[in-house]
C-alpha atoms as a PDB file:
ATOM      1  CA  UNK A   1     -31.194 -18.876  -6.490  1.00  0.00           C
ATOM      2  CA  UNK A   2     -31.856 -20.749  -9.729  1.00  0.00           C
ATOM      3  CA  UNK A   3     -31.408 -24.468  -9.270  1.00  0.00           C
ATOM      4  CA  UNK A   4     -31.292 -26.744 -12.298  1.00  0.00           C
ATOM      5  CA  UNK A   5     -34.494 -28.663 -12.921  1.00  0.00           C
ATOM      6  CA  UNK A   6     -34.132 -32.273 -11.919  1.00  0.00           C
ATOM      7  CA  UNK A   7     -34.559 -34.874 -14.618  1.00  0.00           C
ATOM      8  CA  UNK A   8     -36.310 -38.143 -13.953  1.00  0.00           C
ATOM      9  CA  UNK A   9     -34.027 -41.094 -13.386  1.00  0.00           C
ATOM     10  CA  UNK A  10     -32.868 -42.521 -16.669  1.00  0.00           C
ATOM     11  CA  UNK A  11     -34.534 -45.512 -18.236  1.00  0.00           C
ATOM     12  CA  UNK A  12     -31.032 -46.881 -18.836  1.00  0.00           C
ATOM     13  CA  UNK A  13     -28.483 -45.848 -16.247  1.00  0.00           C
ATOM     14  CA  UNK A  14     -24.990 -46.811 -15.193  1.00  0.00           C
ATOM     15  CA  UNK A  15     -23.781 -46.131 -11.688  1.00  0.00           C
ATOM     16  CA  UNK A  16     -20.053 -46.023 -10.943  1.00  0.00           C
ATOM     17  CA  UNK A  17     -19.422 -48.615 -13.653  1.00  0.00           C
ATOM     18  CA  UNK A  18     -15.910 -50.083 -13.729  1.00  0.00           C
ATOM     19  CA  UNK A  19     -14.347 -52.741 -15.966  1.00  0.00           C
ATOM     20  CA  UNK A  20     -10.770 -53.829 -15.418  1.00  0.00           C
ATOM     21  CA  UNK A  21      -8.676 -56.186 -17.520  1.00  0.00           C
ATOM     22  CA  UNK A  22      -5.622 -57.524 -15.671  1.00  0.00           C
ATOM     23  CA  UNK A  23      -5.852 -54.602 -13.253  1.00  0.00           C
ATOM     24  CA  UNK A  24      -6.043 -51.959 -16.000  1.00  0.00           C
ATOM     25  CA  UNK A  25      -9.246 -49.897 -16.071  1.00  0.00           C
ATOM     26  CA  UNK A  26     -10.921 -49.927 -19.484  1.00  0.00           C
ATOM     27  CA  UNK A  27     -13.983 -48.185 -18.023  1.00  0.00           C
ATOM     28  CA  UNK A  28     -13.401 -46.221 -14.842  1.00  0.00           C
ATOM     29  CA  UNK A  29     -16.299 -45.074 -12.660  1.00  0.00           C
ATOM     30  CA  UNK A  30     -18.785 -44.143 -15.409  1.00  0.00           C
ATOM     31  CA  UNK A  31     -22.189 -42.849 -14.382  1.00  0.00           C
ATOM     32  CA  UNK A  32     -24.642 -41.903 -17.113  1.00  0.00           C
ATOM     33  CA  UNK A  33     -28.384 -41.615 -17.560  1.00  0.00           C
ATOM     34  CA  UNK A  34     -30.314 -42.169 -20.789  1.00  0.00           C
ATOM     35  CA  UNK A  35     -34.021 -41.368 -21.001  1.00  0.00           C
ATOM     36  CA  UNK A  36     -36.497 -43.711 -22.687  1.00  0.00           C
ATOM     37  CA  UNK A  37     -36.610 -42.949 -26.423  1.00  0.00           C
ATOM     38  CA  UNK A  38     -33.470 -40.822 -26.265  1.00  0.00           C
ATOM     39  CA  UNK A  39     -30.811 -41.300 -28.927  1.00  0.00           C
ATOM     40  CA  UNK A  40     -27.256 -41.026 -27.633  1.00  0.00           C
ATOM     41  CA  UNK A  41     -23.709 -41.328 -28.906  1.00  0.00           C
ATOM     42  CA  UNK A  42     -20.422 -42.160 -27.227  1.00  0.00           C
ATOM     43  CA  UNK A  43     -17.503 -40.203 -28.616  1.00  0.00           C
ATOM     44  CA  UNK A  44     -13.867 -40.656 -27.749  1.00  0.00           C
ATOM     45  CA  UNK A  45     -10.478 -41.691 -28.961  1.00  0.00           C
ATOM     46  CA  UNK A  46      -9.532 -45.238 -29.817  1.00  0.00           C
ATOM     47  CA  UNK A  47      -9.063 -47.351 -26.705  1.00  0.00           C
ATOM     48  CA  UNK A  48     -10.958 -45.036 -24.344  1.00  0.00           C
ATOM     49  CA  UNK A  49     -13.574 -47.651 -23.349  1.00  0.00           C
ATOM     50  CA  UNK A  50     -16.533 -46.867 -25.637  1.00  0.00           C
ATOM     51  CA  UNK A  51     -16.925 -50.410 -26.943  1.00  0.00           C
ATOM     52  CA  UNK A  52     -16.317 -51.924 -23.512  1.00  0.00           C
ATOM     53  CA  UNK A  53     -19.054 -49.721 -22.063  1.00  0.00           C
ATOM     54  CA  UNK A  54     -21.458 -50.727 -24.856  1.00  0.00           C
ATOM     55  CA  UNK A  55     -20.558 -54.394 -24.355  1.00  0.00           C
ATOM     56  CA  UNK A  56     -21.452 -54.062 -20.658  1.00  0.00           C
ATOM     57  CA  UNK A  57     -24.780 -52.426 -21.539  1.00  0.00           C
ATOM     58  CA  UNK A  58     -25.540 -55.287 -23.941  1.00  0.00           C
ATOM     59  CA  UNK A  59     -24.364 -57.971 -21.495  1.00  0.00           C
ATOM     60  CA  UNK A  60     -21.297 -59.187 -23.386  1.00  0.00           C
ATOM     61  CA  UNK A  61     -18.968 -58.019 -20.594  1.00  0.00           C
ATOM     62  CA  UNK A  62     -19.576 -58.215 -16.848  1.00  0.00           C
ATOM     63  CA  UNK A  63     -18.648 -55.090 -14.891  1.00  0.00           C
ATOM     64  CA  UNK A  64     -15.878 -55.374 -12.321  1.00  0.00           C
ATOM     65  CA  UNK A  65     -18.061 -53.148 -10.138  1.00  0.00           C
ATOM     66  CA  UNK A  66     -20.987 -50.782 -10.431  1.00  0.00           C
ATOM     67  CA  UNK A  67     -24.509 -51.201 -11.745  1.00  0.00           C
ATOM     68  CA  UNK A  68     -26.296 -51.249 -15.083  1.00  0.00           C
ATOM     69  CA  UNK A  69     -29.882 -50.218 -14.365  1.00  0.00           C
ATOM     70  CA  UNK A  70     -32.747 -50.718 -16.799  1.00  0.00           C
ATOM     71  CA  UNK A  71     -36.031 -49.201 -15.660  1.00  0.00           C
ATOM     72  CA  UNK A  72     -34.813 -49.352 -12.057  1.00  0.00           C
ATOM     73  CA  UNK A  73     -33.591 -52.974 -12.161  1.00  0.00           C
ATOM     74  CA  UNK A  74     -29.889 -53.900 -12.035  1.00  0.00           C
ATOM     75  CA  UNK A  75     -29.251 -56.039 -15.125  1.00  0.00           C
ATOM     76  CA  UNK A  76     -25.447 -56.229 -14.794  1.00  0.00           C
ATOM     77  CA  UNK A  77     -25.548 -60.019 -14.360  1.00  0.00           C
ATOM     78  CA  UNK A  78     -28.426 -60.683 -16.778  1.00  0.00           C
ATOM     79  CA  UNK A  79     -27.307 -62.603 -19.891  1.00  0.00           C
ATOM     80  CA  UNK A  80     -27.458 -60.783 -23.238  1.00  0.00           C
ATOM     81  CA  UNK A  81     -30.258 -62.939 -24.636  1.00  0.00           C
ATOM     82  CA  UNK A  82     -32.577 -61.828 -21.809  1.00  0.00           C
ATOM     83  CA  UNK A  83     -31.917 -58.093 -22.264  1.00  0.00           C
ATOM     84  CA  UNK A  84     -34.068 -55.840 -24.442  1.00  0.00           C
ATOM     85  CA  UNK A  85     -30.869 -54.070 -25.545  1.00  0.00           C
ATOM     86  CA  UNK A  86     -29.026 -54.451 -28.827  1.00  0.00           C
ATOM     87  CA  UNK A  87     -25.469 -53.650 -29.809  1.00  0.00           C
ATOM     88  CA  UNK A  88     -24.327 -53.248 -33.383  1.00  0.00           C
ATOM     89  CA  UNK A  89     -20.933 -51.993 -34.454  1.00  0.00           C
ATOM     90  CA  UNK A  90     -21.058 -49.165 -36.954  1.00  0.00           C
ATOM     91  CA  UNK A  91     -19.440 -51.121 -39.774  1.00  0.00           C
ATOM     92  CA  UNK A  92     -22.168 -53.768 -39.513  1.00  0.00           C
ATOM     93  CA  UNK A  93     -25.020 -51.413 -38.663  1.00  0.00           C
ATOM     94  CA  UNK A  94     -24.948 -49.204 -41.747  1.00  0.00           C
ATOM     95  CA  UNK A  95     -26.733 -50.200 -44.924  1.00  0.00           C
ATOM     96  CA  UNK A  96     -24.567 -49.084 -47.857  1.00  0.00           C
ATOM     97  CA  UNK A  97     -27.607 -48.566 -50.125  1.00  0.00           C
ATOM     98  CA  UNK A  98     -29.219 -46.095 -47.659  1.00  0.00           C
ATOM     99  CA  UNK A  99     -28.182 -42.524 -46.948  1.00  0.00           C
ATOM    100  CA  UNK A 100     -27.406 -41.305 -43.412  1.00  0.00           C
ATOM    101  CA  UNK A 101     -30.992 -40.224 -42.681  1.00  0.00           C
ATOM    102  CA  UNK A 102     -32.398 -43.554 -43.922  1.00  0.00           C
ATOM    103  CA  UNK A 103     -29.859 -45.514 -41.847  1.00  0.00           C
ATOM    104  CA  UNK A 104     -30.821 -43.638 -38.674  1.00  0.00           C
ATOM    105  CA  UNK A 105     -34.555 -43.857 -39.418  1.00  0.00           C
ATOM    106  CA  UNK A 106     -34.469 -47.599 -40.197  1.00  0.00           C
ATOM    107  CA  UNK A 107     -34.379 -48.819 -36.600  1.00  0.00           C
ATOM    108  CA  UNK A 108     -36.785 -46.137 -35.418  1.00  0.00           C
ATOM    109  CA  UNK A 109     -39.337 -47.107 -38.075  1.00  0.00           C
ATOM    110  CA  UNK A 110     -38.867 -50.774 -37.224  1.00  0.00           C
ATOM    111  CA  UNK A 111     -39.714 -49.991 -33.583  1.00  0.00           C
ATOM    112  CA  UNK A 112     -42.820 -48.077 -34.670  1.00  0.00           C
ATOM    113  CA  UNK A 113     -41.543 -44.669 -33.586  1.00  0.00           C
ATOM    114  CA  UNK A 114     -43.559 -41.762 -35.007  1.00  0.00           C
ATOM    115  CA  UNK A 115     -42.063 -39.650 -37.773  1.00  0.00           C
END
């Protein structure tokens, strides 16, 4: 029997994350795991909860239920200014004078990531 190799717990993890607005689920039971240094993208149609999920990761929305774990610590109730997490909408995040590669590399270089 070939079992999949287990991955270490994610550096940033959500566990059964839910956000409801007036009883309507914007994010419904999302569990994900992101490794330290990993680049990820959320893809989906308009209104599917991508921005709400990112706002919960950044601390701008409080989950109705579930956990937002950073390095094993639940930060769901931690205010945004205390979190080492940033959120930038695409329209504000892109520098028009840089190409796609330079836009992606900008933040990585700023954080001192190796080429």
